[in-house]
PDB file of N, CA and C in Angstrom:
ATOM      1  N   MET A   1      57.957  32.813  72.585  1.00  0.00           N
ATOM      2  CA  MET A   1      58.032  32.296  71.172  1.00  0.00           C
ATOM      3  C   MET A   1      57.210  32.374  70.348  1.00  0.00           C
ATOM      4  N   SER A   2      56.744  33.291  68.823  1.00  0.00           N
ATOM      5  CA  SER A   2      55.637  33.567  68.477  1.00  0.00           C
ATOM      6  C   SER A   2      55.088  32.212  67.910  1.00  0.00           C
ATOM      7  N   MET A   3      54.221  31.930  67.806  1.00  0.00           N
ATOM      8  CA  MET A   3      53.818  30.777  67.115  1.00  0.00           C
ATOM      9  C   MET A   3      52.833  30.762  65.672  1.00  0.00           C
ATOM     10  N   ASN A   4      53.766  31.905  64.463  1.00  0.00           N
ATOM     11  CA  ASN A   4      54.132  32.392  63.736  1.00  0.00           C
ATOM     12  C   ASN A   4      55.272  31.654  62.598  1.00  0.00           C
ATOM     13  N   GLY A   5      56.076  31.750  63.825  1.00  0.00           N
ATOM     14  CA  GLY A   5      57.261  31.127  62.566  1.00  0.00           C
ATOM     15  C   GLY A   5      58.409  31.672  64.089  1.00  0.00           C
ATOM     16  N   PRO A   6      59.693  31.506  63.252  1.00  0.00           N
ATOM     17  CA  PRO A   6      60.778  31.689  64.235  1.00  0.00           C
ATOM     18  C   PRO A   6      60.638  33.397  64.888  1.00  0.00           C
ATOM     19  N   ASN A   7      61.271  33.512  66.238  1.00  0.00           N
ATOM     20  CA  ASN A   7      61.375  34.589  66.649  1.00  0.00           C
ATOM     21  C   ASN A   7      62.909  34.880  67.113  1.00  0.00           C
ATOM     22  N   VAL A   8      63.532  36.006  66.933  1.00  0.00           N
ATOM     23  CA  VAL A   8      64.995  36.681  66.778  1.00  0.00           C
ATOM     24  C   VAL A   8      65.031  38.283  67.646  1.00  0.00           C
ATOM     25  N   THR A   9      66.079  37.750  68.344  1.00  0.00           N
ATOM     26  CA  THR A   9      66.374  39.302  69.199  1.00  0.00           C
ATOM     27  C   THR A   9      67.745  39.323  68.561  1.00  0.00           C
ATOM     28  N   VAL A  10      67.535  40.783  67.807  1.00  0.00           N
ATOM     29  CA  VAL A  10      68.775  41.275  67.210  1.00  0.00           C
ATOM     30  C   VAL A  10      68.919  42.346  68.299  1.00  0.00           C
ATOM     31  N   ILE A  11      70.539  41.944  69.191  1.00  0.00           N
ATOM     32  CA  ILE A  11      71.565  42.808  69.809  1.00  0.00           C
ATOM     33  C   ILE A  11      71.954  43.550  69.813  1.00  0.00           C
ATOM     34  N   ALA A  12      71.571  44.805  69.307  1.00  0.00           N
ATOM     35  CA  ALA A  12      72.694  46.155  68.643  1.00  0.00           C
ATOM     36  C   ALA A  12      73.099  46.847  69.676  1.00  0.00           C
ATOM     37  N   GLY A  13      74.332  48.022  69.443  1.00  0.00           N
ATOM     38  CA  GLY A  13      74.745  49.178  69.888  1.00  0.00           C
ATOM     39  C   GLY A  13      75.844  48.734  70.705  1.00  0.00           C
ATOM     40  N   GLY A  14      75.577  49.477  71.585  1.00  0.00           N
ATOM     41  CA  GLY A  14      77.081  48.738  72.743  1.00  0.00           C
ATOM     42  C   GLY A  14      77.117  50.284  73.573  1.00  0.00           C
ATOM     43  N   LEU A  15      78.214  49.518  74.355  1.00  0.00           N
ATOM     44  CA  LEU A  15      78.709  50.629  75.742  1.00  0.00           C
ATOM     45  C   LEU A  15      80.187  51.684  75.438  1.00  0.00           C
ATOM     46  N   SER A  16      80.463  51.108  74.267  1.00  0.00           N
ATOM     47  CA  SER A  16      81.785  51.907  73.906  1.00  0.00           C
ATOM     48  C   SER A  16      81.294  53.682  73.309  1.00  0.00           C
ATOM     49  N   PRO A  17      82.527  54.016  73.357  1.00  0.00           N
ATOM     50  CA  PRO A  17      82.234  55.561  72.932  1.00  0.00           C
ATOM     51  C   PRO A  17      82.010  55.776  71.480  1.00  0.00           C
ATOM     52  N   ASP A  18      82.110  54.366  70.935  1.00  0.00           N
ATOM     53  CA  ASP A  18      82.075  54.544  69.480  1.00  0.00           C
ATOM     54  C   ASP A  18      80.718  53.653  69.046  1.00  0.00           C
ATOM     55  N   ARG A  19      79.582  53.707  69.849  1.00  0.00           N
ATOM     56  CA  ARG A  19      78.402  52.645  69.801  1.00  0.00           C
ATOM     57  C   ARG A  19      77.983  53.923  68.980  1.00  0.00           C
ATOM     58  N   GLU A  20      77.912  55.152  68.339  1.00  0.00           N
ATOM     59  CA  GLU A  20      77.021  55.766  68.092  1.00  0.00           C
ATOM     60  C   GLU A  20      76.276  55.256  66.159  1.00  0.00           C
ATOM     61  N   GLY A  21      77.373  54.604  65.668  1.00  0.00           N
ATOM     62  CA  GLY A  21      77.127  54.293  64.449  1.00  0.00           C
ATOM     63  C   GLY A  21      76.619  52.329  64.575  1.00  0.00           C
ATOM     64  N   SER A  22      76.956  51.981  65.724  1.00  0.00           N
ATOM     65  CA  SER A  22      76.567  50.172  65.659  1.00  0.00           C
ATOM     66  C   SER A  22      75.290  50.043  65.941  1.00  0.00           C
ATOM     67  N   PRO A  23      74.153  50.816  66.282  1.00  0.00           N
ATOM     68  CA  PRO A  23      72.782  50.294  65.763  1.00  0.00           C
ATOM     69  C   PRO A  23      72.985  49.572  64.155  1.00  0.00           C
ATOM     70  N   ARG A  24      73.664  50.432  63.025  1.00  0.00           N
ATOM     71  CA  ARG A  24      73.205  50.142  62.317  1.00  0.00           C
ATOM     72  C   ARG A  24      73.166  48.757  61.772  1.00  0.00           C
ATOM     73  N   PRO A  25      74.504  48.214  61.562  1.00  0.00           N
ATOM     74  CA  PRO A  25      74.422  46.955  61.592  1.00  0.00           C
ATOM     75  C   PRO A  25      73.466  46.128  61.914  1.00  0.00           C
ATOM     76  N   GLY A  26      73.159  46.058  62.951  1.00  0.00           N
ATOM     77  CA  GLY A  26      72.112  44.973  64.345  1.00  0.00           C
ATOM     78  C   GLY A  26      70.224  45.977  63.156  1.00  0.00           C
ATOM     79  N   SER A  27      70.359  46.684  62.882  1.00  0.00           N
ATOM     80  CA  SER A  27      69.325  47.072  61.450  1.00  0.00           C
ATOM     81  C   SER A  27      69.084  46.303  60.236  1.00  0.00           C
ATOM     82  N   ARG A  28      70.496  46.264  59.672  1.00  0.00           N
ATOM     83  CA  ARG A  28      70.274  46.058  58.745  1.00  0.00           C
ATOM     84  C   ARG A  28      70.291  44.510  58.752  1.00  0.00           C
ATOM     85  N   GLU A  29      70.777  43.599  59.517  1.00  0.00           N
ATOM     86  CA  GLU A  29      70.552  42.184  59.798  1.00  0.00           C
ATOM     87  C   GLU A  29      69.003  42.472  60.372  1.00  0.00           C
ATOM     88  N   ALA A  30      68.670  42.908  61.426  1.00  0.00           N
ATOM     89  CA  ALA A  30      67.373  42.590  61.519  1.00  0.00           C
ATOM     90  C   ALA A  30      65.856  42.656  60.381  1.00  0.00           C
ATOM     91  N   ASP A  31      66.568  43.396  59.017  1.00  0.00           N
ATOM     92  CA  ASP A  31      65.821  43.812  58.085  1.00  0.00           C
ATOM     93  C   ASP A  31      66.199  42.377  57.489  1.00  0.00           C
ATOM     94  N   ALA A  32      66.959  42.180  57.147  1.00  0.00           N
ATOM     95  CA  ALA A  32      67.077  40.992  56.480  1.00  0.00           C
ATOM     96  C   ALA A  32      66.557  39.784  57.042  1.00  0.00           C
ATOM     97  N   LEU A  33      66.212  39.976  57.885  1.00  0.00           N
ATOM     98  CA  LEU A  33      66.019  38.519  58.809  1.00  0.00           C
ATOM     99  C   LEU A  33      64.187  38.490  58.518  1.00  0.00           C
ATOM    100  N   ARG A  34      63.973  39.931  58.837  1.00  0.00           N
ATOM    101  CA  ARG A  34      61.822  40.029  58.356  1.00  0.00           C
ATOM    102  C   ARG A  34      61.732  39.769  57.064  1.00  0.00           C
ATOM    103  N   GLN A  35      62.973  39.875  55.982  1.00  0.00           N
ATOM    104  CA  GLN A  35      62.861  39.826  54.283  1.00  0.00           C
ATOM    105  C   GLN A  35      62.430  38.239  54.445  1.00  0.00           C
ATOM    106  N   SER A  36      63.148  37.325  55.188  1.00  0.00           N
ATOM    107  CA  SER A  36      63.159  36.434  55.270  1.00  0.00           C
ATOM    108  C   SER A  36      61.864  35.209  56.128  1.00  0.00           C
ATOM    109  N   GLY A  37      61.032  36.529  56.513  1.00  0.00           N
ATOM    110  CA  GLY A  37      59.750  36.065  57.528  1.00  0.00           C
ATOM    111  C   GLY A  37      60.241  35.635  58.853  1.00  0.00           C
ATOM    112  N   VAL A  38      60.884  35.991  59.322  1.00  0.00           N
ATOM    113  CA  VAL A  38      61.612  35.885  60.566  1.00  0.00           C
ATOM    114  C   VAL A  38      60.864  37.257  61.490  1.00  0.00           C
ATOM    115  N   GLU A  39      60.421  36.712  62.697  1.00  0.00           N
ATOM    116  CA  GLU A  39      59.633  37.591  63.808  1.00  0.00           C
ATOM    117  C   GLU A  39      60.972  38.370  64.103  1.00  0.00           C
ATOM    118  N   VAL A  40      61.270  39.770  64.506  1.00  0.00           N
ATOM    119  CA  VAL A  40      62.551  40.068  64.752  1.00  0.00           C
ATOM    120  C   VAL A  40      62.212  41.517  65.778  1.00  0.00           C
ATOM    121  N   GLU A  41      62.944  41.207  67.266  1.00  0.00           N
ATOM    122  CA  GLU A  41      62.610  42.353  67.216  1.00  0.00           C
ATOM    123  C   GLU A  41      64.219  43.257  67.972  1.00  0.00           C
ATOM    124  N   LEU A  42      64.378  44.064  67.542  1.00  0.00           N
ATOM    125  CA  LEU A  42      65.491  45.094  67.854  1.00  0.00           C
ATOM    126  C   LEU A  42      65.817  45.632  68.743  1.00  0.00           C
ATOM    127  N   ARG A  43      66.801  45.182  69.623  1.00  0.00           N
ATOM    128  CA  ARG A  43      67.208  45.202  71.070  1.00  0.00           C
ATOM    129  C   ARG A  43      68.534  46.093  71.317  1.00  0.00           C
ATOM    130  N   ASP A  44      68.281  47.507  71.434  1.00  0.00           N
ATOM    131  CA  ASP A  44      69.536  47.949  71.933  1.00  0.00           C
ATOM    132  C   ASP A  44      70.283  47.416  73.492  1.00  0.00           C
ATOM    133  N   VAL A  45      71.380  47.816  73.841  1.00  0.00           N
ATOM    134  CA  VAL A  45      72.238  47.401  74.542  1.00  0.00           C
ATOM    135  C   VAL A  45      72.323  47.886  75.803  1.00  0.00           C
ATOM    136  N   GLY A  46      71.422  48.509  76.847  1.00  0.00           N
ATOM    137  CA  GLY A  46      71.614  48.843  77.580  1.00  0.00           C
ATOM    138  C   GLY A  46      70.774  48.137  79.611  1.00  0.00           C
ATOM    139  N   LYS A  47      70.544  48.749  80.147  1.00  0.00           N
ATOM    140  CA  LYS A  47      70.184  48.674  81.614  1.00  0.00           C
ATOM    141  C   LYS A  47      68.988  47.411  81.398  1.00  0.00           C
ATOM    142  N   ASP A  48      68.068  47.917  80.635  1.00  0.00           N
ATOM    143  CA  ASP A  48      66.850  47.566  80.042  1.00  0.00           C
ATOM    144  C   ASP A  48      67.354  45.877  79.643  1.00  0.00           C
ATOM    145  N   MET A  49      68.057  45.682  78.964  1.00  0.00           N
ATOM    146  CA  MET A  49      67.927  44.367  77.996  1.00  0.00           C
ATOM    147  C   MET A  49      67.982  43.755  78.528  1.00  0.00           C
ATOM    148  N   LEU A  50      68.300  43.327  79.829  1.00  0.00           N
ATOM    149  CA  LEU A  50      68.307  41.603  80.405  1.00  0.00           C
ATOM    150  C   LEU A  50      67.049  41.356  80.896  1.00  0.00           C
ATOM    151  N   PRO A  51      66.529  42.279  81.392  1.00  0.00           N
ATOM    152  CA  PRO A  51      65.000  41.948  81.916  1.00  0.00           C
ATOM    153  C   PRO A  51      64.387  41.899  80.816  1.00  0.00           C
ATOM    154  N   ALA A  52      64.183  42.826  79.836  1.00  0.00           N
ATOM    155  CA  ALA A  52      63.096  42.356  78.780  1.00  0.00           C
ATOM    156  C   ALA A  52      63.798  41.003  78.268  1.00  0.00           C
ATOM    157  N   LEU A  53      64.924  40.436  78.177  1.00  0.00           N
ATOM    158  CA  LEU A  53      65.266  38.946  77.550  1.00  0.00           C
ATOM    159  C   LEU A  53      64.641  38.340  78.585  1.00  0.00           C
ATOM    160  N   ALA A  54      64.718  38.529  79.590  1.00  0.00           N
ATOM    161  CA  ALA A  54      64.189  37.386  80.871  1.00  0.00           C
ATOM    162  C   ALA A  54      62.511  37.294  80.489  1.00  0.00           C
ATOM    163  N   GLN A  55      61.970  38.700  80.011  1.00  0.00           N
ATOM    164  CA  GLN A  55      60.288  38.526  80.221  1.00  0.00           C
ATOM    165  C   GLN A  55      59.873  38.073  78.773  1.00  0.00           C
ATOM    166  N   ASN A  56      60.770  38.399  77.889  1.00  0.00           N
ATOM    167  CA  ASN A  56      60.391  37.652  76.573  1.00  0.00           C
ATOM    168  C   ASN A  56      60.865  37.145  76.373  1.00  0.00           C
ATOM    169  N   SER A  57      61.507  35.726  76.776  1.00  0.00           N
ATOM    170  CA  SER A  57      62.614  35.148  75.858  1.00  0.00           C
ATOM    171  C   SER A  57      62.401  34.809  74.035  1.00  0.00           C
ATOM    172  N   PRO A  58      63.518  35.249  73.459  1.00  0.00           N
ATOM    173  CA  PRO A  58      63.387  34.989  72.510  1.00  0.00           C
ATOM    174  C   PRO A  58      64.402  33.898  71.785  1.00  0.00           C
ATOM    175  N   GLY A  59      63.721  32.825  70.818  1.00  0.00           N
ATOM    176  CA  GLY A  59      63.797  31.807  70.614  1.00  0.00           C
ATOM    177  C   GLY A  59      65.581  31.909  69.914  1.00  0.00           C
ATOM    178  N   CYS A  60      65.841  32.695  69.701  1.00  0.00           N
ATOM    179  CA  CYS A  60      67.239  32.958  69.444  1.00  0.00           C
ATOM    180  C   CYS A  60      67.655  34.216  69.861  1.00  0.00           C
ATOM    181  N   SER A  61      68.575  34.939  69.813  1.00  0.00           N
ATOM    182  CA  SER A  61      69.522  36.209  69.893  1.00  0.00           C
ATOM    183  C   SER A  61      70.799  36.049  69.409  1.00  0.00           C
ATOM    184  N   SER A  62      70.473  37.259  68.561  1.00  0.00           N
ATOM    185  CA  SER A  62      71.656  37.232  67.529  1.00  0.00           C
ATOM    186  C   SER A  62      72.917  38.450  68.314  1.00  0.00           C
ATOM    187  N   PRO A  63      74.157  38.353  68.840  1.00  0.00           N
ATOM    188  CA  PRO A  63      74.512  39.904  69.216  1.00  0.00           C
ATOM    189  C   PRO A  63      75.132  40.401  67.836  1.00  0.00           C
ATOM    190  N   CYS A  64      74.999  41.763  67.340  1.00  0.00           N
ATOM    191  CA  CYS A  64      75.149  42.543  66.411  1.00  0.00           C
ATOM    192  C   CYS A  64      75.844  43.763  66.845  1.00  0.00           C
ATOM    193  N   CYS A  65      77.189  43.879  67.851  1.00  0.00           N
ATOM    194  CA  CYS A  65      77.579  45.186  68.578  1.00  0.00           C
ATOM    195  C   CYS A  65      79.173  45.386  68.200  1.00  0.00           C
ATOM    196  N   THR A  66      79.186  46.654  68.457  1.00  0.00           N
ATOM    197  CA  THR A  66      80.825  47.451  68.126  1.00  0.00           C
ATOM    198  C   THR A  66      81.558  47.106  69.276  1.00  0.00           C
ATOM    199  N   ALA A  67      82.707  46.355  68.707  1.00  0.00           N
ATOM    200  CA  ALA A  67      83.690  46.085  69.717  1.00  0.00           C
ATOM    201  C   ALA A  67      84.890  47.518  70.451  1.00  0.00           C
ATOM    202  N   SER A  68      85.724  47.470  70.841  1.00  0.00           N
ATOM    203  CA  SER A  68      86.374  48.347  71.074  1.00  0.00           C
ATOM    204  C   SER A  68      87.507  49.266  70.347  1.00  0.00           C
ATOM    205  N   SER A  69      87.410  48.098  68.840  1.00  0.00           N
ATOM    206  CA  SER A  69      88.183  48.642  67.903  1.00  0.00           C
ATOM    207  C   SER A  69      87.545  49.324  66.919  1.00  0.00           C
ATOM    208  N   GLY A  70      86.039  49.148  67.077  1.00  0.00           N
ATOM    209  CA  GLY A  70      85.177  49.781  66.075  1.00  0.00           C
ATOM    210  C   GLY A  70      84.520  48.775  64.977  1.00  0.00           C
ATOM    211  N   ARG A  71      84.717  47.619  65.110  1.00  0.00           N
ATOM    212  CA  ARG A  71      84.532  47.099  64.155  1.00  0.00           C
ATOM    213  C   ARG A  71      83.084  46.073  64.704  1.00  0.00           C
ATOM    214  N   THR A  72      82.485  45.626  64.150  1.00  0.00           N
ATOM    215  CA  THR A  72      81.164  45.197  64.427  1.00  0.00           C
ATOM    216  C   THR A  72      81.461  43.957  64.488  1.00  0.00           C
ATOM    217  N   GLN A  73      81.167  43.106  65.390  1.00  0.00           N
ATOM    218  CA  GLN A  73      81.070  41.751  65.706  1.00  0.00           C
ATOM    219  C   GLN A  73      79.946  40.799  65.853  1.00  0.00           C
ATOM    220  N   PRO A  74      79.864  39.945  64.913  1.00  0.00           N
ATOM    221  CA  PRO A  74      78.512  39.103  64.708  1.00  0.00           C
ATOM    222  C   PRO A  74      78.364  38.692  66.126  1.00  0.00           C
TER     223      PRO A  74
END
């Protein structure tokens, strides 16, 4: 965790066929948090996600992934 302030990992993307557009809402969320002074890491869903989170534990994680219906889930 950062000594300068809150540390958040925004988890974006997804494994569904409609994943192409799903990183955009995560990017918007990460940008808004950064503008509020929060240290943010944007992480795509994938095989390296869990090891990376275990190695660099965020203070908070915010999933922003696309469901099979194509709608972004907070």
